[in-house]
Each structure stands twice: as structure tokens, then as C-alpha cells.
Amino acid sequence: EAGTGGMLMFSPGRTDVSFTPTMDRRRIPAAPEFTDLAWYLHALVPAL
């Protein structure tokens, strides 16, 4: 629906997870050089 995504990486033992937005990264409209981290957290945290 958002047309974005990325790579979700699990460390050995699955105690740490990393996410790298690699597909049409969502940017902050007022500061487009920055990623909209809040949007990604809102999308990912409930499932995690």
C-alpha cells in the first residue's frame, strides 16, 4: 500500500534485528535528506 520496503536482518540467535529501507525509502517531507524513521517503526514494531 505504501510502495516501500527494505531488508529485515536477524542476528545469530535472533536477539537483534536490523531494518534497512532499500525500496523507495520514505523521506520526511520537510527534510527529504532524512528517512522517516517514525513511519517505519509504526509499520514494523507491532509485528515485532
PDB file of all heavy atoms in Angstrom:
ATOM      1  N   GLU A   1       0.822  -1.218   0.000  1.00  0.00           N
ATOM      2  CA  GLU A   1       0.000   0.000   0.000  1.00  0.00           C
ATOM      3  C   GLU A   1       0.850   1.259   0.000  1.00  0.00           C
ATOM      4  O   GLU A   1       0.485   2.261  -0.603  1.00  0.00           O
ATOM      5  CB  GLU A   1      -0.944   0.000   1.199  1.00  0.00           C
ATOM      6  CG  GLU A   1      -1.992  -1.080   1.139  1.00  0.00           C
ATOM      7  CD  GLU A   1      -2.796  -1.175   2.422  1.00  0.00           C
ATOM      8  OE1 GLU A   1      -2.669  -0.295   3.289  1.00  0.00           O
ATOM      9  OE2 GLU A   1      -3.551  -2.158   2.553  1.00  0.00           O
ATOM     10  N   ALA A   2       1.985   1.220   0.668  1.00  0.00           N
ATOM     11  CA  ALA A   2       2.864   2.388   0.753  1.00  0.00           C
ATOM     12  C   ALA A   2       3.907   2.417  -0.357  1.00  0.00           C
ATOM     13  O   ALA A   2       4.529   3.447  -0.596  1.00  0.00           O
ATOM     14  CB  ALA A   2       3.564   2.412   2.105  1.00  0.00           C
ATOM     15  N   GLY A   3       4.103   1.285  -1.019  1.00  0.00           N
ATOM     16  CA  GLY A   3       5.082   1.221  -2.096  1.00  0.00           C
ATOM     17  C   GLY A   3       6.521   1.346  -1.608  1.00  0.00           C
ATOM     18  O   GLY A   3       7.361   1.884  -2.311  1.00  0.00           O
ATOM     19  N   THR A   4       6.789   0.865  -0.412  1.00  0.00           N
ATOM     20  CA  THR A   4       8.133   0.939   0.145  1.00  0.00           C
ATOM     21  C   THR A   4       8.477  -0.372   0.829  1.00  0.00           C
ATOM     22  O   THR A   4       7.616  -1.217   1.032  1.00  0.00           O
ATOM     23  CB  THR A   4       8.256   2.119   1.139  1.00  0.00           C
ATOM     24  OG1 THR A   4       9.623   2.276   1.505  1.00  0.00           O
ATOM     25  CG2 THR A   4       7.412   1.938   2.370  1.00  0.00           C
ATOM     26  N   GLY A   5       9.721  -0.544   1.177  1.00  0.00           N
ATOM     27  CA  GLY A   5      10.140  -1.749   1.867  1.00  0.00           C
ATOM     28  C   GLY A   5      11.630  -1.742   2.108  1.00  0.00           C
ATOM     29  O   GLY A   5      12.291  -0.726   1.939  1.00  0.00           O
ATOM     30  N   GLY A   6      12.135  -2.890   2.500  1.00  0.00           N
ATOM     31  CA  GLY A   6      13.559  -2.977   2.775  1.00  0.00           C
ATOM     32  C   GLY A   6      13.954  -4.360   3.233  1.00  0.00           C
ATOM     33  O   GLY A   6      13.213  -5.321   3.071  1.00  0.00           O
ATOM     34  N   MET A   7      15.134  -4.420   3.835  1.00  0.00           N
ATOM     35  CA  MET A   7      15.690  -5.690   4.278  1.00  0.00           C
ATOM     36  C   MET A   7      15.624  -5.770   5.801  1.00  0.00           C
ATOM     37  O   MET A   7      16.125  -4.896   6.497  1.00  0.00           O
ATOM     38  CB  MET A   7      17.138  -5.829   3.820  1.00  0.00           C
ATOM     39  CG  MET A   7      17.726  -7.179   4.132  1.00  0.00           C
ATOM     40  SD  MET A   7      19.432  -7.347   3.550  1.00  0.00           S
ATOM     41  CE  MET A   7      19.175  -7.214   1.789  1.00  0.00           C
ATOM     42  N   LEU A   8      14.995  -6.823   6.296  1.00  0.00           N
ATOM     43  CA  LEU A   8      14.893  -7.105   7.722  1.00  0.00           C
ATOM     44  C   LEU A   8      15.902  -8.197   8.029  1.00  0.00           C
ATOM     45  O   LEU A   8      15.810  -9.296   7.490  1.00  0.00           O
ATOM     46  CB  LEU A   8      13.473  -7.552   8.063  1.00  0.00           C
ATOM     47  CG  LEU A   8      13.114  -7.738   9.518  1.00  0.00           C
ATOM     48  CD1 LEU A   8      13.209  -6.423  10.276  1.00  0.00           C
ATOM     49  CD2 LEU A   8      11.698  -8.298   9.633  1.00  0.00           C
ATOM     50  N   MET A   9      16.911  -7.882   8.863  1.00  0.00           N
ATOM     51  CA  MET A   9      18.013  -8.807   9.124  1.00  0.00           C
ATOM     52  C   MET A   9      18.000  -9.243  10.586  1.00  0.00           C
ATOM     53  O   MET A   9      17.893  -8.404  11.483  1.00  0.00           O
ATOM     54  CB  MET A   9      19.337  -8.130   8.791  1.00  0.00           C
ATOM     55  CG  MET A   9      19.443  -7.761   7.322  1.00  0.00           C
ATOM     56  SD  MET A   9      20.745  -6.564   6.992  1.00  0.00           S
ATOM     57  CE  MET A   9      19.921  -5.039   7.472  1.00  0.00           C
ATOM     58  N   PHE A  10      18.101 -10.529  10.805  1.00  0.00           N
ATOM     59  CA  PHE A  10      18.131 -11.106  12.145  1.00  0.00           C
ATOM     60  C   PHE A  10      19.559 -11.538  12.462  1.00  0.00           C
ATOM     61  O   PHE A  10      20.192 -12.213  11.663  1.00  0.00           O
ATOM     62  CB  PHE A  10      17.206 -12.322  12.231  1.00  0.00           C
ATOM     63  CG  PHE A  10      15.765 -11.993  12.001  1.00  0.00           C
ATOM     64  CD1 PHE A  10      15.233 -12.003  10.724  1.00  0.00           C
ATOM     65  CD2 PHE A  10      14.939 -11.660  13.061  1.00  0.00           C
ATOM     66  CE1 PHE A  10      13.899 -11.695  10.500  1.00  0.00           C
ATOM     67  CE2 PHE A  10      13.610 -11.348  12.855  1.00  0.00           C
ATOM     68  CZ  PHE A  10      13.086 -11.369  11.573  1.00  0.00           C
ATOM     69  N   SER A  11      20.032 -11.174  13.654  1.00  0.00           N
ATOM     70  CA  SER A  11      21.373 -11.592  14.064  1.00  0.00           C
ATOM     71  C   SER A  11      21.339 -13.063  14.473  1.00  0.00           C
ATOM     72  O   SER A  11      20.270 -13.614  14.738  1.00  0.00           O
ATOM     73  CB  SER A  11      21.844 -10.741  15.245  1.00  0.00           C
ATOM     74  OG  SER A  11      21.067 -11.032  16.388  1.00  0.00           O
ATOM     75  N   PRO A  12      22.508 -13.703  14.558  1.00  0.00           N
ATOM     76  CA  PRO A  12      22.542 -15.069  15.071  1.00  0.00           C
ATOM     77  C   PRO A  12      21.912 -15.105  16.465  1.00  0.00           C
ATOM     78  O   PRO A  12      22.148 -14.228  17.285  1.00  0.00           O
ATOM     79  CB  PRO A  12      24.040 -15.394  15.132  1.00  0.00           C
ATOM     80  CG  PRO A  12      24.653 -14.493  14.105  1.00  0.00           C
ATOM     81  CD  PRO A  12      23.822 -13.232  14.155  1.00  0.00           C
ATOM     82  N   GLY A  13      21.095 -16.080  16.723  1.00  0.00           N
ATOM     83  CA  GLY A  13      20.387 -16.172  17.991  1.00  0.00           C
ATOM     84  C   GLY A  13      19.123 -15.335  18.018  1.00  0.00           C
ATOM     85  O   GLY A  13      18.363 -15.390  18.971  1.00  0.00           O
ATOM     86  N   ARG A  14      18.920 -14.552  16.988  1.00  0.00           N
ATOM     87  CA  ARG A  14      17.732 -13.700  16.834  1.00  0.00           C
ATOM     88  C   ARG A  14      17.458 -12.816  18.044  1.00  0.00           C
ATOM     89  O   ARG A  14      16.330 -12.602  18.438  1.00  0.00           O
ATOM     90  CB  ARG A  14      16.512 -14.548  16.497  1.00  0.00           C
ATOM     91  CG  ARG A  14      16.665 -15.248  15.174  1.00  0.00           C
ATOM     92  CD  ARG A  14      15.426 -15.969  14.801  1.00  0.00           C
ATOM     93  NE  ARG A  14      15.651 -16.681  13.548  1.00  0.00           N
ATOM     94  CZ  ARG A  14      14.747 -17.381  12.946  1.00  0.00           C
ATOM     95  NH1 ARG A  14      13.537 -17.484  13.442  1.00  0.00           N
ATOM     96  NH2 ARG A  14      15.017 -17.995  11.824  1.00  0.00           N
ATOM     97  N   THR A  15      18.530 -12.279  18.623  1.00  0.00           N
ATOM     98  CA  THR A  15      18.342 -11.356  19.738  1.00  0.00           C
ATOM     99  C   THR A  15      18.341  -9.904  19.265  1.00  0.00           C
ATOM    100  O   THR A  15      17.908  -9.019  19.989  1.00  0.00           O
ATOM    101  CB  THR A  15      19.446 -11.541  20.794  1.00  0.00           C
ATOM    102  OG1 THR A  15      20.718 -11.366  20.164  1.00  0.00           O
ATOM    103  CG2 THR A  15      19.361 -12.926  21.429  1.00  0.00           C
ATOM    104  N   ASP A  16      18.839  -9.655  18.061  1.00  0.00           N
ATOM    105  CA  ASP A  16      18.849  -8.321  17.460  1.00  0.00           C
ATOM    106  C   ASP A  16      18.280  -8.400  16.054  1.00  0.00           C
ATOM    107  O   ASP A  16      18.473  -9.386  15.348  1.00  0.00           O
ATOM    108  CB  ASP A  16      20.270  -7.766  17.365  1.00  0.00           C
ATOM    109  CG  ASP A  16      20.903  -7.505  18.708  1.00  0.00           C
ATOM    110  OD1 ASP A  16      20.225  -6.910  19.568  1.00  0.00           O
ATOM    111  OD2 ASP A  16      22.067  -7.900  18.891  1.00  0.00           O
ATOM    112  N   VAL A  17      17.586  -7.333  15.675  1.00  0.00           N
ATOM    113  CA  VAL A  17      17.020  -7.219  14.333  1.00  0.00           C
ATOM    114  C   VAL A  17      17.420  -5.856  13.779  1.00  0.00           C
ATOM    115  O   VAL A  17      17.435  -4.872  14.509  1.00  0.00           O
ATOM    116  CB  VAL A  17      15.480  -7.335  14.374  1.00  0.00           C
ATOM    117  CG1 VAL A  17      14.838  -6.866  13.099  1.00  0.00           C
ATOM    118  CG2 VAL A  17      15.061  -8.757  14.672  1.00  0.00           C
ATOM    119  N   SER A  18      17.759  -5.819  12.517  1.00  0.00           N
ATOM    120  CA  SER A  18      18.056  -4.559  11.836  1.00  0.00           C
ATOM    121  C   SER A  18      17.138  -4.427  10.633  1.00  0.00           C
ATOM    122  O   SER A  18      16.773  -5.426  10.011  1.00  0.00           O
ATOM    123  CB  SER A  18      19.505  -4.534  11.341  1.00  0.00           C
ATOM    124  OG  SER A  18      20.400  -4.663  12.404  1.00  0.00           O
ATOM    125  N   PHE A  19      16.788  -3.201  10.304  1.00  0.00           N
ATOM    126  CA  PHE A  19      15.995  -2.954   9.111  1.00  0.00           C
ATOM    127  C   PHE A  19      16.660  -1.854   8.310  1.00  0.00           C
ATOM    128  O   PHE A  19      17.015  -0.805   8.856  1.00  0.00           O
ATOM    129  CB  PHE A  19      14.563  -2.533   9.462  1.00  0.00           C
ATOM    130  CG  PHE A  19      13.743  -2.210   8.247  1.00  0.00           C
ATOM    131  CD1 PHE A  19      13.216  -3.235   7.478  1.00  0.00           C
ATOM    132  CD2 PHE A  19      13.523  -0.911   7.865  1.00  0.00           C
ATOM    133  CE1 PHE A  19      12.480  -2.956   6.328  1.00  0.00           C
ATOM    134  CE2 PHE A  19      12.787  -0.607   6.721  1.00  0.00           C
ATOM    135  CZ  PHE A  19      12.268  -1.638   5.962  1.00  0.00           C
ATOM    136  N   THR A  20      16.843  -2.101   7.028  1.00  0.00           N
ATOM    137  CA  THR A  20      17.408  -1.110   6.120  1.00  0.00           C
ATOM    138  C   THR A  20      16.381  -0.821   5.035  1.00  0.00           C
ATOM    139  O   THR A  20      16.015  -1.721   4.268  1.00  0.00           O
ATOM    140  CB  THR A  20      18.708  -1.631   5.474  1.00  0.00           C
ATOM    141  OG1 THR A  20      19.619  -1.986   6.504  1.00  0.00           O
ATOM    142  CG2 THR A  20      19.319  -0.590   4.572  1.00  0.00           C
ATOM    143  N   PRO A  21      15.870   0.423   4.981  1.00  0.00           N
ATOM    144  CA  PRO A  21      14.900   0.764   3.936  1.00  0.00           C
ATOM    145  C   PRO A  21      15.610   0.868   2.585  1.00  0.00           C
ATOM    146  O   PRO A  21      16.434   1.757   2.381  1.00  0.00           O
ATOM    147  CB  PRO A  21      14.334   2.115   4.384  1.00  0.00           C
ATOM    148  CG  PRO A  21      15.357   2.688   5.298  1.00  0.00           C
ATOM    149  CD  PRO A  21      16.115   1.537   5.880  1.00  0.00           C
ATOM    150  N   THR A  22      15.336  -0.075   1.712  1.00  0.00           N
ATOM    151  CA  THR A  22      16.047  -0.139   0.431  1.00  0.00           C
ATOM    152  C   THR A  22      15.143   0.064  -0.781  1.00  0.00           C
ATOM    153  O   THR A  22      15.640   0.241  -1.880  1.00  0.00           O
ATOM    154  CB  THR A  22      16.755  -1.498   0.284  1.00  0.00           C
ATOM    155  OG1 THR A  22      15.796  -2.544   0.419  1.00  0.00           O
ATOM    156  CG2 THR A  22      17.855  -1.672   1.319  1.00  0.00           C
ATOM    157  N   MET A  23      13.834   0.019  -0.595  1.00  0.00           N
ATOM    158  CA  MET A  23      12.904   0.156  -1.715  1.00  0.00           C
ATOM    159  C   MET A  23      12.095   1.441  -1.556  1.00  0.00           C
ATOM    160  O   MET A  23      11.288   1.547  -0.643  1.00  0.00           O
ATOM    161  CB  MET A  23      11.935  -1.024  -1.769  1.00  0.00           C
ATOM    162  CG  MET A  23      12.589  -2.349  -2.053  1.00  0.00           C
ATOM    163  SD  MET A  23      11.355  -3.667  -2.101  1.00  0.00           S
ATOM    164  CE  MET A  23      11.710  -4.490  -0.566  1.00  0.00           C
ATOM    165  N   ASP A  24      12.349   2.421  -2.415  1.00  0.00           N
ATOM    166  CA  ASP A  24      11.606   3.681  -2.378  1.00  0.00           C
ATOM    167  C   ASP A  24      11.466   4.205  -0.954  1.00  0.00           C
ATOM    168  O   ASP A  24      10.377   4.342  -0.412  1.00  0.00           O
ATOM    169  CB  ASP A  24      10.231   3.519  -3.038  1.00  0.00           C
ATOM    170  CG  ASP A  24      10.354   3.210  -4.517  1.00  0.00           C
ATOM    171  OD1 ASP A  24      11.262   3.775  -5.149  1.00  0.00           O
ATOM    172  OD2 ASP A  24       9.572   2.401  -5.010  1.00  0.00           O
ATOM    173  N   ARG A  25      12.612   4.504  -0.363  1.00  0.00           N
ATOM    174  CA  ARG A  25      12.694   4.959   1.029  1.00  0.00           C
ATOM    175  C   ARG A  25      11.755   6.132   1.292  1.00  0.00           C
ATOM    176  O   ARG A  25      11.695   7.076   0.526  1.00  0.00           O
ATOM    177  CB  ARG A  25      14.137   5.371   1.319  1.00  0.00           C
ATOM    178  CG  ARG A  25      14.382   5.874   2.701  1.00  0.00           C
ATOM    179  CD  ARG A  25      15.874   6.090   2.943  1.00  0.00           C
ATOM    180  NE  ARG A  25      16.502   7.023   2.039  1.00  0.00           N
ATOM    181  CZ  ARG A  25      16.638   8.331   2.280  1.00  0.00           C
ATOM    182  NH1 ARG A  25      16.187   8.850   3.389  1.00  0.00           N
ATOM    183  NH2 ARG A  25      17.238   9.105   1.403  1.00  0.00           N
ATOM    184  N   ARG A  26      11.015   6.042   2.394  1.00  0.00           N
ATOM    185  CA  ARG A  26      10.122   7.136   2.803  1.00  0.00           C
ATOM    186  C   ARG A  26      10.955   8.222   3.457  1.00  0.00           C
ATOM    187  O   ARG A  26      11.744   7.966   4.338  1.00  0.00           O
ATOM    188  CB  ARG A  26       9.061   6.632   3.766  1.00  0.00           C
ATOM    189  CG  ARG A  26       8.133   5.672   3.041  1.00  0.00           C
ATOM    190  CD  ARG A  26       6.859   5.408   3.707  1.00  0.00           C
ATOM    191  NE  ARG A  26       6.085   6.570   4.050  1.00  0.00           N
ATOM    192  CZ  ARG A  26       4.866   6.812   3.592  1.00  0.00           C
ATOM    193  NH1 ARG A  26       4.323   6.000   2.718  1.00  0.00           N
ATOM    194  NH2 ARG A  26       4.190   7.844   4.006  1.00  0.00           N
ATOM    195  N   ARG A  27      10.746   9.435   3.006  1.00  0.00           N
ATOM    196  CA  ARG A  27      11.516  10.572   3.496  1.00  0.00           C
ATOM    197  C   ARG A  27      10.618  11.506   4.299  1.00  0.00           C
ATOM    198  O   ARG A  27       9.397  11.482   4.153  1.00  0.00           O
ATOM    199  CB  ARG A  27      12.127  11.324   2.325  1.00  0.00           C
ATOM    200  CG  ARG A  27      13.032  10.432   1.485  1.00  0.00           C
ATOM    201  CD  ARG A  27      13.410  11.114   0.171  1.00  0.00           C
ATOM    202  NE  ARG A  27      14.072  10.190  -0.728  1.00  0.00           N
ATOM    203  CZ  ARG A  27      15.375   9.984  -0.764  1.00  0.00           C
ATOM    204  NH1 ARG A  27      16.167  10.632   0.049  1.00  0.00           N
ATOM    205  NH2 ARG A  27      15.897   9.132  -1.615  1.00  0.00           N
ATOM    206  N   ILE A  28      11.216  12.326   5.122  1.00  0.00           N
ATOM    207  CA  ILE A  28      10.476  13.344   5.857  1.00  0.00           C
ATOM    208  C   ILE A  28      10.224  14.501   4.892  1.00  0.00           C
ATOM    209  O   ILE A  28      11.182  15.068   4.344  1.00  0.00           O
ATOM    210  CB  ILE A  28      11.274  13.812   7.097  1.00  0.00           C
ATOM    211  CG1 ILE A  28      11.475  12.636   8.049  1.00  0.00           C
ATOM    212  CG2 ILE A  28      10.572  14.986   7.780  1.00  0.00           C
ATOM    213  CD1 ILE A  28      12.400  12.929   9.207  1.00  0.00           C
ATOM    214  N   PRO A  29       8.965  14.863   4.639  1.00  0.00           N
ATOM    215  CA  PRO A  29       8.673  15.893   3.644  1.00  0.00           C
ATOM    216  C   PRO A  29       9.416  17.217   3.868  1.00  0.00           C
ATOM    217  O   PRO A  29       9.906  17.822   2.916  1.00  0.00           O
ATOM    218  CB  PRO A  29       7.160  16.084   3.754  1.00  0.00           C
ATOM    219  CG  PRO A  29       6.663  14.772   4.261  1.00  0.00           C
ATOM    220  CD  PRO A  29       7.745  14.278   5.188  1.00  0.00           C
ATOM    221  N   ALA A  30       9.525  17.666   5.099  1.00  0.00           N
ATOM    222  CA  ALA A  30      10.188  18.943   5.378  1.00  0.00           C
ATOM    223  C   ALA A  30      11.714  18.833   5.363  1.00  0.00           C
ATOM    224  O   ALA A  30      12.413  19.846   5.345  1.00  0.00           O
ATOM    225  CB  ALA A  30       9.723  19.487   6.724  1.00  0.00           C
ATOM    226  N   ALA A  31      12.234  17.602   5.376  1.00  0.00           N
ATOM    227  CA  ALA A  31      13.681  17.366   5.365  1.00  0.00           C
ATOM    228  C   ALA A  31      13.960  16.097   4.565  1.00  0.00           C
ATOM    229  O   ALA A  31      14.278  15.045   5.122  1.00  0.00           O
ATOM    230  CB  ALA A  31      14.210  17.237   6.793  1.00  0.00           C
ATOM    231  N   PRO A  32      13.800  16.151   3.240  1.00  0.00           N
ATOM    232  CA  PRO A  32      13.858  14.940   2.416  1.00  0.00           C
ATOM    233  C   PRO A  32      15.195  14.194   2.430  1.00  0.00           C
ATOM    234  O   PRO A  32      15.256  13.055   1.992  1.00  0.00           O
ATOM    235  CB  PRO A  32      13.519  15.438   1.015  1.00  0.00           C
ATOM    236  CG  PRO A  32      13.704  16.905   1.051  1.00  0.00           C
ATOM    237  CD  PRO A  32      13.542  17.346   2.463  1.00  0.00           C
ATOM    238  N   GLU A  33      16.233  14.800   2.967  1.00  0.00           N
ATOM    239  CA  GLU A  33      17.504  14.076   3.064  1.00  0.00           C
ATOM    240  C   GLU A  33      17.492  13.053   4.196  1.00  0.00           C
ATOM    241  O   GLU A  33      18.385  12.226   4.302  1.00  0.00           O
ATOM    242  CB  GLU A  33      18.683  15.049   3.232  1.00  0.00           C
ATOM    243  CG  GLU A  33      18.663  15.857   4.499  1.00  0.00           C
ATOM    244  CD  GLU A  33      17.828  17.141   4.416  1.00  0.00           C
ATOM    245  OE1 GLU A  33      17.082  17.344   3.459  1.00  0.00           O
ATOM    246  OE2 GLU A  33      17.926  17.936   5.350  1.00  0.00           O
ATOM    247  N   PHE A  34      16.426  13.085   5.038  1.00  0.00           N
ATOM    248  CA  PHE A  34      16.304  12.155   6.153  1.00  0.00           C
ATOM    249  C   PHE A  34      15.196  11.134   5.920  1.00  0.00           C
ATOM    250  O   PHE A  34      14.166  11.449   5.335  1.00  0.00           O
ATOM    251  CB  PHE A  34      16.014  12.905   7.464  1.00  0.00           C
ATOM    252  CG  PHE A  34      17.173  13.719   7.945  1.00  0.00           C
ATOM    253  CD1 PHE A  34      17.237  15.069   7.670  1.00  0.00           C
ATOM    254  CD2 PHE A  34      18.195  13.126   8.649  1.00  0.00           C
ATOM    255  CE1 PHE A  34      18.308  15.828   8.106  1.00  0.00           C
ATOM    256  CE2 PHE A  34      19.267  13.874   9.097  1.00  0.00           C
ATOM    257  CZ  PHE A  34      19.328  15.230   8.816  1.00  0.00           C
ATOM    258  N   THR A  35      15.418   9.927   6.425  1.00  0.00           N
ATOM    259  CA  THR A  35      14.428   8.856   6.356  1.00  0.00           C
ATOM    260  C   THR A  35      13.368   9.083   7.423  1.00  0.00           C
ATOM    261  O   THR A  35      13.683   9.484   8.541  1.00  0.00           O
ATOM    262  CB  THR A  35      15.115   7.495   6.600  1.00  0.00           C
ATOM    263  OG1 THR A  35      16.137   7.327   5.623  1.00  0.00           O
ATOM    264  CG2 THR A  35      14.127   6.342   6.514  1.00  0.00           C
ATOM    265  N   ASP A  36      12.114   8.795   7.096  1.00  0.00           N
ATOM    266  CA  ASP A  36      11.013   8.921   8.058  1.00  0.00           C
ATOM    267  C   ASP A  36      11.013   7.683   8.955  1.00  0.00           C
ATOM    268  O   ASP A  36      10.221   6.756   8.782  1.00  0.00           O
ATOM    269  CB  ASP A  36       9.692   9.072   7.321  1.00  0.00           C
ATOM    270  CG  ASP A  36       8.537   9.428   8.235  1.00  0.00           C
ATOM    271  OD1 ASP A  36       8.706   9.347   9.474  1.00  0.00           O
ATOM    272  OD2 ASP A  36       7.465   9.785   7.712  1.00  0.00           O
ATOM    273  N   LEU A  37      11.928   7.671   9.921  1.00  0.00           N
ATOM    274  CA  LEU A  37      12.074   6.510  10.802  1.00  0.00           C
ATOM    275  C   LEU A  37      10.801   6.216  11.577  1.00  0.00           C
ATOM    276  O   LEU A  37      10.470   5.054  11.806  1.00  0.00           O
ATOM    277  CB  LEU A  37      13.240   6.723  11.767  1.00  0.00           C
ATOM    278  CG  LEU A  37      14.630   6.782  11.136  1.00  0.00           C
ATOM    279  CD1 LEU A  37      15.675   7.132  12.191  1.00  0.00           C
ATOM    280  CD2 LEU A  37      14.972   5.480  10.446  1.00  0.00           C
ATOM    281  N   ALA A  38      10.076   7.244  11.975  1.00  0.00           N
ATOM    282  CA  ALA A  38       8.828   7.036  12.725  1.00  0.00           C
ATOM    283  C   ALA A  38       7.833   6.231  11.899  1.00  0.00           C
ATOM    284  O   ALA A  38       7.138   5.364  12.431  1.00  0.00           O
ATOM    285  CB  ALA A  38       8.228   8.373  13.144  1.00  0.00           C
ATOM    286  N   TRP A  39       7.753   6.489  10.608  1.00  0.00           N
ATOM    287  CA  TRP A  39       6.818   5.741   9.757  1.00  0.00           C
ATOM    288  C   TRP A  39       7.192   4.259   9.752  1.00  0.00           C
ATOM    289  O   TRP A  39       6.325   3.395   9.899  1.00  0.00           O
ATOM    290  CB  TRP A  39       6.818   6.296   8.327  1.00  0.00           C
ATOM    291  CG  TRP A  39       5.779   5.647   7.489  1.00  0.00           C
ATOM    292  CD1 TRP A  39       4.498   6.082   7.304  1.00  0.00           C
ATOM    293  CD2 TRP A  39       5.897   4.417   6.752  1.00  0.00           C
ATOM    294  NE1 TRP A  39       3.817   5.184   6.500  1.00  0.00           N
ATOM    295  CE2 TRP A  39       4.655   4.157   6.150  1.00  0.00           C
ATOM    296  CE3 TRP A  39       6.928   3.519   6.548  1.00  0.00           C
ATOM    297  CZ2 TRP A  39       4.425   3.041   5.348  1.00  0.00           C
ATOM    298  CZ3 TRP A  39       6.702   2.401   5.759  1.00  0.00           C
ATOM    299  CH2 TRP A  39       5.456   2.180   5.171  1.00  0.00           C
ATOM    300  N   TYR A  40       8.480   3.965   9.585  1.00  0.00           N
ATOM    301  CA  TYR A  40       8.920   2.568   9.560  1.00  0.00           C
ATOM    302  C   TYR A  40       8.690   1.889  10.906  1.00  0.00           C
ATOM    303  O   TYR A  40       8.266   0.733  10.963  1.00  0.00           O
ATOM    304  CB  TYR A  40      10.397   2.466   9.151  1.00  0.00           C
ATOM    305  CG  TYR A  40      10.611   2.736   7.691  1.00  0.00           C
ATOM    306  CD1 TYR A  40      11.037   3.976   7.244  1.00  0.00           C
ATOM    307  CD2 TYR A  40      10.365   1.750   6.742  1.00  0.00           C
ATOM    308  CE1 TYR A  40      11.232   4.221   5.891  1.00  0.00           C
ATOM    309  CE2 TYR A  40      10.548   1.980   5.387  1.00  0.00           C
ATOM    310  CZ  TYR A  40      10.982   3.226   4.969  1.00  0.00           C
ATOM    311  OH  TYR A  40      11.155   3.466   3.642  1.00  0.00           O
ATOM    312  N   LEU A  41       8.965   2.587  12.005  1.00  0.00           N
ATOM    313  CA  LEU A  41       8.733   1.999  13.320  1.00  0.00           C
ATOM    314  C   LEU A  41       7.257   1.702  13.531  1.00  0.00           C
ATOM    315  O   LEU A  41       6.893   0.645  14.044  1.00  0.00           O
ATOM    316  CB  LEU A  41       9.257   2.929  14.423  1.00  0.00           C
ATOM    317  CG  LEU A  41      10.774   3.031  14.510  1.00  0.00           C
ATOM    318  CD1 LEU A  41      11.162   4.138  15.474  1.00  0.00           C
ATOM    319  CD2 LEU A  41      11.387   1.709  14.919  1.00  0.00           C
ATOM    320  N   HIS A  42       6.410   2.627  13.118  1.00  0.00           N
ATOM    321  CA  HIS A  42       4.966   2.421  13.247  1.00  0.00           C
ATOM    322  C   HIS A  42       4.515   1.192  12.450  1.00  0.00           C
ATOM    323  O   HIS A  42       3.629   0.450  12.883  1.00  0.00           O
ATOM    324  CB  HIS A  42       4.218   3.671  12.766  1.00  0.00           C
ATOM    325  CG  HIS A  42       2.739   3.564  12.860  1.00  0.00           C
ATOM    326  ND1 HIS A  42       2.056   3.687  14.045  1.00  0.00           N
ATOM    327  CD2 HIS A  42       1.813   3.316  11.908  1.00  0.00           C
ATOM    328  CE1 HIS A  42       0.761   3.536  13.817  1.00  0.00           C
ATOM    329  NE2 HIS A  42       0.594   3.303  12.532  1.00  0.00           N
ATOM    330  N   ALA A  43       5.137   0.965  11.306  1.00  0.00           N
ATOM    331  CA  ALA A  43       4.768  -0.176  10.461  1.00  0.00           C
ATOM    332  C   ALA A  43       5.352  -1.494  10.964  1.00  0.00           C
ATOM    333  O   ALA A  43       4.715  -2.543  10.846  1.00  0.00           O
ATOM    334  CB  ALA A  43       5.224   0.084   9.020  1.00  0.00           C
ATOM    335  N   LEU A  44       6.560  -1.466  11.528  1.00  0.00           N
ATOM    336  CA  LEU A  44       7.256  -2.708  11.887  1.00  0.00           C
ATOM    337  C   LEU A  44       7.073  -3.160  13.337  1.00  0.00           C
ATOM    338  O   LEU A  44       6.979  -4.361  13.599  1.00  0.00           O
ATOM    339  CB  LEU A  44       8.763  -2.550  11.635  1.00  0.00           C
ATOM    340  CG  LEU A  44       9.201  -2.471  10.181  1.00  0.00           C
ATOM    341  CD1 LEU A  44      10.666  -2.058  10.102  1.00  0.00           C
ATOM    342  CD2 LEU A  44       8.991  -3.810   9.498  1.00  0.00           C
ATOM    343  N   VAL A  45       7.047  -2.228  14.266  1.00  0.00           N
ATOM    344  CA  VAL A  45       7.064  -2.600  15.684  1.00  0.00           C
ATOM    345  C   VAL A  45       5.891  -3.489  16.102  1.00  0.00           C
ATOM    346  O   VAL A  45       6.103  -4.473  16.810  1.00  0.00           O
ATOM    347  CB  VAL A  45       7.202  -1.357  16.588  1.00  0.00           C
ATOM    348  CG1 VAL A  45       6.907  -1.667  18.039  1.00  0.00           C
ATOM    349  CG2 VAL A  45       8.613  -0.779  16.441  1.00  0.00           C
ATOM    350  N   PRO A  46       4.644  -3.217  15.691  1.00  0.00           N
ATOM    351  CA  PRO A  46       3.561  -4.101  16.139  1.00  0.00           C
ATOM    352  C   PRO A  46       3.793  -5.576  15.797  1.00  0.00           C
ATOM    353  O   PRO A  46       3.556  -6.449  16.630  1.00  0.00           O
ATOM    354  CB  PRO A  46       2.329  -3.540  15.416  1.00  0.00           C
ATOM    355  CG  PRO A  46       2.644  -2.095  15.233  1.00  0.00           C
ATOM    356  CD  PRO A  46       4.120  -2.066  14.937  1.00  0.00           C
ATOM    357  N   ALA A  47       4.292  -5.844  14.610  1.00  0.00           N
ATOM    358  CA  ALA A  47       4.560  -7.240  14.237  1.00  0.00           C
ATOM    359  C   ALA A  47       5.723  -7.809  15.040  1.00  0.00           C
ATOM    360  O   ALA A  47       5.695  -8.978  15.440  1.00  0.00           O
ATOM    361  CB  ALA A  47       4.856  -7.335  12.750  1.00  0.00           C
ATOM    362  N   LEU A  48       6.743  -7.008  15.297  1.00  0.00           N
ATOM    363  CA  LEU A  48       7.893  -7.492  16.040  1.00  0.00           C
ATOM    364  C   LEU A  48       7.573  -7.689  17.521  1.00  0.00           C
ATOM    365  O   LEU A  48       8.163  -8.553  18.172  1.00  0.00           O
ATOM    366  CB  LEU A  48       9.078  -6.541  15.865  1.00  0.00           C
ATOM    367  CG  LEU A  48       9.634  -6.475  14.436  1.00  0.00           C
ATOM    368  CD1 LEU A  48      10.695  -5.397  14.331  1.00  0.00           C
ATOM    369  CD2 LEU A  48      10.182  -7.823  13.999  1.00  0.00           C
TER     370      LEU A  48
END
